[in-house]
Protein backbone atom coordinates (compact mmCIF):
# COMPACT_ATOMS: atom_id res chain seq x y z
CA MET A 1 4.38 -18.05 24.72
CA VAL A 2 1.47 -15.88 25.65
CA GLY A 3 2.08 -12.43 27.23
CA ILE A 4 -1.03 -10.86 28.70
CA TYR A 5 -1.27 -7.31 29.91
CA TYR A 6 -4.59 -6.64 31.57
CA TYR A 7 -5.96 -3.41 33.08
CA LEU A 8 -8.57 -2.73 35.73
CA SER A 9 -9.44 0.81 36.77
CA ALA A 10 -6.10 2.24 35.53
CA ILE A 11 -4.01 -0.33 37.45
CA GLU A 12 -1.40 -1.99 35.27
CA ARG A 13 -0.65 -5.53 36.12
CA ALA A 14 1.97 -6.78 33.85
CA PRO A 15 3.13 -9.24 31.90
CA ALA A 16 1.09 -11.73 33.79
CA LEU A 17 0.72 -15.11 32.26
CA ALA A 18 3.08 -17.57 30.70
CA LYS A 19 1.45 -20.63 29.37
CA ASP A 20 2.36 -23.99 30.99
CA ASP A 21 1.87 -27.29 29.27
CA ASP A 22 -0.96 -28.13 31.64
CA ASP A 23 -2.84 -24.89 31.19
CA ASP A 24 -6.15 -24.98 29.32
CA PRO A 25 -5.87 -22.25 26.62
CA LEU A 26 -9.51 -21.21 27.28
CA ASP A 27 -8.61 -20.57 30.89
CA LEU A 28 -5.86 -18.14 29.75
CA PHE A 29 -8.44 -16.17 27.77
CA ASN A 30 -11.04 -16.21 30.50
CA ASP A 31 -8.56 -15.09 33.14
CA ALA A 32 -7.90 -11.92 31.15
CA LEU A 33 -11.62 -10.98 31.15
CA LEU A 34 -11.52 -9.15 34.40
CA SER A 35 -13.92 -6.38 33.60
CA PHE A 36 -16.86 -5.62 31.43
CA PHE A 37 -18.37 -2.51 29.89
CA ASP A 38 -20.35 -0.39 32.34
CA GLU A 39 -21.46 3.22 32.16
CA VAL A 40 -18.08 4.32 30.67
CA LEU A 41 -17.19 3.00 27.17
CA PRO A 42 -13.44 2.11 27.31
CA ALA A 43 -12.90 3.64 23.81
CA ASN A 44 -12.02 6.84 22.00
CA GLY A 45 -13.11 8.65 18.82
CA ASN A 46 -16.11 8.30 16.55
CA PRO A 47 -16.82 6.27 13.43
CA SER A 48 -15.28 7.73 10.23
CA ALA A 49 -13.48 10.47 12.24
CA SER A 50 -9.73 11.11 12.47
CA PHE A 51 -7.95 10.10 15.62
CA THR A 52 -4.46 11.04 16.63
CA TYR A 53 -2.41 8.75 18.81
CA THR A 54 0.40 10.47 20.79
CA PRO A 55 3.15 8.19 22.22
CA PRO A 56 4.26 8.50 25.84
CA ALA A 57 7.14 10.79 26.68
CA SER A 58 9.42 7.73 27.08
CA ALA A 59 8.76 6.52 23.57
CA SER A 60 11.73 6.12 21.26
CA ASN A 61 9.85 8.05 18.50
CA PRO A 62 7.52 10.72 19.93
CA ALA A 63 5.91 11.60 16.60
CA PRO A 64 2.06 11.30 16.68
CA LEU A 65 0.15 9.00 14.33
CA THR A 66 -3.15 10.15 12.81
CA VAL A 67 -5.54 7.57 11.38
CA THR A 68 -9.14 7.41 10.28
CA ILE A 69 -11.46 5.25 12.36
CA PRO A 70 -13.46 2.76 10.22
CA ALA A 71 -17.02 3.59 9.59
CA SER A 72 -19.88 1.90 11.44
CA GLN A 73 -21.39 -0.61 9.11
CA SER A 74 -24.77 -2.27 9.24
CA GLY A 75 -24.37 -5.94 10.13
CA LEU A 76 -20.83 -5.48 11.47
CA ILE A 77 -21.65 -3.50 14.61
CA GLU A 78 -20.65 -6.50 16.75
CA LEU A 79 -17.10 -6.24 15.46
CA GLN A 80 -16.70 -2.90 17.26
CA ALA A 81 -14.06 -1.74 14.73
CA HIS A 82 -15.53 1.76 14.67
CA TYR A 83 -13.77 2.94 17.81
CA VAL A 84 -10.22 3.16 19.08
CA TRP A 85 -10.36 0.98 22.18
CA ASN A 86 -8.26 1.78 25.26
CA ALA A 87 -6.59 -1.63 25.05
CA GLY A 88 -5.34 -0.66 21.54
CA ILE A 89 -3.77 2.55 22.97
CA ARG A 90 -2.13 0.50 25.74
CA MET A 91 -0.75 -1.93 23.18
CA ALA A 92 0.56 1.00 21.16
CA ASN A 93 2.23 2.43 24.31
CA LEU A 94 3.95 -0.92 24.98
CA ILE A 95 5.25 -1.02 21.43
CA THR A 96 6.51 2.56 21.26
CA THR A 97 8.24 2.35 24.63
CA GLY A 98 9.99 -1.01 23.74
CA LYS A 99 8.10 -3.07 26.33
CA VAL A 100 6.83 -5.22 23.46
CA GLU A 101 9.77 -5.85 21.12
CA VAL A 102 8.95 -5.78 17.42
CA LYS A 103 12.22 -5.00 15.70
CA GLY A 104 12.99 -7.46 12.93
CA LYS A 105 9.87 -9.48 13.58
CA ASN A 106 7.04 -10.59 11.25
CA VAL A 107 3.94 -9.20 13.02
CA ILE A 108 0.25 -9.62 12.54
CA GLU A 109 -2.47 -7.66 14.39
CA LEU A 110 -5.83 -9.44 14.63
CA GLY A 111 -8.99 -7.40 15.07
CA ALA A 112 -6.91 -4.47 13.88
CA GLY A 113 -9.73 -1.84 13.51
CA ALA A 114 -7.93 1.35 12.81
CA GLY A 115 -4.63 -0.52 12.97
CA ILE A 116 -2.73 1.74 15.36
CA PRO A 117 -0.65 -0.87 17.17
CA GLY A 118 0.29 -2.61 13.88
CA LEU A 119 1.20 0.58 12.14
CA LEU A 120 3.43 1.58 15.05
CA ALA A 121 5.08 -1.85 14.95
CA ALA A 122 6.09 -1.09 11.39
CA ARG A 123 7.44 2.27 12.47
CA GLU A 124 9.36 0.72 15.33
CA GLY A 125 11.29 -1.68 13.04
CA ALA A 126 9.21 -4.77 12.42
CA GLU A 127 10.29 -6.69 9.36
CA SER A 128 6.72 -6.97 8.12
CA VAL A 129 3.26 -6.21 9.52
CA VAL A 130 -0.14 -7.59 8.50
CA LEU A 131 -3.20 -5.69 9.68
CA SER A 132 -6.08 -8.20 9.78
CA ASP A 133 -9.74 -7.96 10.55
CA PHE A 134 -12.99 -9.54 9.47
CA ASP A 135 -13.06 -10.34 5.78
CA ASN A 136 -15.27 -7.47 4.70
CA ALA A 137 -14.25 -5.37 1.76
CA ASP A 138 -15.35 -1.95 3.15
CA LEU A 139 -13.76 -2.57 6.51
CA LEU A 140 -10.47 -3.69 5.00
CA SER A 141 -10.48 -0.68 2.60
CA HIS A 142 -10.83 1.66 5.63
CA ILE A 143 -7.82 -0.08 7.31
CA ARG A 144 -5.79 0.00 4.09
CA ASP A 145 -6.40 3.78 3.83
CA ASN A 146 -4.49 4.28 7.11
CA ILE A 147 -1.21 2.91 5.78
CA PRO A 148 -0.24 6.36 4.26
CA SER A 149 -0.29 7.73 7.79
CA LEU A 150 3.21 6.24 8.08
CA PRO A 151 6.27 7.84 6.58
CA PRO A 152 6.82 6.47 2.99
CA ALA A 153 9.84 4.28 4.03
CA TYR A 154 7.63 2.20 6.34
CA GLN A 155 4.53 1.79 4.15
CA PRO A 156 5.84 -1.18 2.03
CA LYS A 157 6.17 -3.19 5.18
CA VAL A 158 2.43 -3.16 5.83
CA SER A 159 -0.31 -5.16 4.17
CA VAL A 160 -4.04 -5.66 4.98
CA VAL A 161 -5.55 -9.06 4.78
CA GLY A 162 -9.02 -10.17 5.78
CA HIS A 163 -9.39 -13.34 7.83
CA THR A 164 -12.37 -14.87 9.59
CA TRP A 165 -11.19 -16.60 12.75
CA GLY A 166 -11.36 -20.33 12.76
CA THR A 167 -11.14 -20.67 8.93
CA ALA A 168 -8.30 -21.58 6.60
CA LEU A 169 -5.70 -18.91 6.16
CA PRO A 170 -6.10 -16.82 2.97
CA PRO A 171 -3.53 -17.46 0.28
CA THR A 172 -2.73 -13.72 0.18
CA LEU A 173 -1.40 -13.79 3.74
CA PRO A 174 2.31 -13.03 3.90
CA PRO A 175 4.23 -14.70 5.62
CA THR A 176 2.64 -18.05 6.55
CA SER A 177 3.75 -17.87 10.20
CA PHE A 178 4.45 -14.90 12.52
CA ASP A 179 6.90 -14.12 15.27
CA LEU A 180 4.40 -11.90 17.03
CA VAL A 181 0.56 -11.80 17.11
CA LEU A 182 -1.01 -8.66 18.56
CA LEU A 183 -4.44 -8.93 20.22
CA ALA A 184 -5.86 -5.76 21.68
CA ASP A 185 -9.40 -6.01 23.15
CA THR A 186 -10.29 -9.05 21.14
CA LEU A 187 -11.42 -11.27 24.04
CA TRP A 188 -14.74 -9.74 25.02
CA TYR A 189 -16.68 -11.76 22.37
CA THR A 190 -16.46 -15.06 24.27
CA VAL A 191 -18.24 -17.22 21.73
CA ALA A 192 -15.38 -16.60 19.25
CA HIS A 193 -12.62 -17.90 21.54
CA ASP A 194 -12.48 -21.36 20.01
CA ALA A 195 -12.28 -19.91 16.52
CA LEU A 196 -9.59 -17.46 17.66
CA LEU A 197 -7.49 -20.25 19.11
CA VAL A 198 -7.68 -22.13 15.81
CA SER A 199 -6.38 -19.08 13.98
CA LEU A 200 -3.60 -18.50 16.48
CA GLY A 201 -2.41 -22.07 16.03
CA LEU A 202 -2.27 -21.58 12.29
CA LEU A 203 -0.57 -18.13 12.45
CA LEU A 204 2.09 -18.46 15.14
CA ALA A 205 5.63 -19.54 14.38
CA SER A 206 7.05 -22.32 16.59
CA THR A 207 9.07 -19.73 18.53
CA GLY A 208 6.46 -16.96 18.23
CA ARG A 209 4.70 -14.90 20.91
CA ILE A 210 1.14 -13.73 21.37
CA GLN A 211 0.81 -10.30 23.02
CA ILE A 212 -2.59 -9.61 24.55
CA VAL A 213 -3.95 -6.46 26.11
CA ALA A 214 -7.54 -6.77 27.56
CA GLY A 215 -9.81 -5.07 29.97
CA ARG A 216 -10.58 -1.49 30.49
CA VAL A 217 -8.75 1.68 31.77
């Protein structure tokens, strides 16, 4: 099952698409690409700076979460991991308000960047959370450094594993299949869609769900 939340000019259209057997998976991805960057970058913060996420008033746990945004790295600019994108904040809002259910689930966030949605999934009761991004040691170290932003009781639930989409899953990846895959603003790089679909097929449990937030606010 694929759940897609997409945003255009602050209008929430929600949860929009459920995959039918006859649907082309690439069509699902392309349908979510409703807007592109213009004069306003749909992102927050600056590379290497602290960023504090504050949940909505309706969140079950209103405590803020402060993380450090990964540094901008030569050769990895196209990953865009050095900002907190609006889609990631929207995903975090859906998790903290219970609209995306994570309790008791094995969760992986692809293209995690600073890892805010995945970290909040751990805080909201996920059984385990993997924060995953491109297999670059410096980038993964930055993500790993954000795990202590959680209270100590939740930190053992979270691991950081590098994975290049479309390749074999790394042996360090726990578990081998996931109940929920989080994708926040990972669709803009269209040439990577085929590789992403390969990874999703390898990662998702037979009864699992993919939660996508794409577009701009």
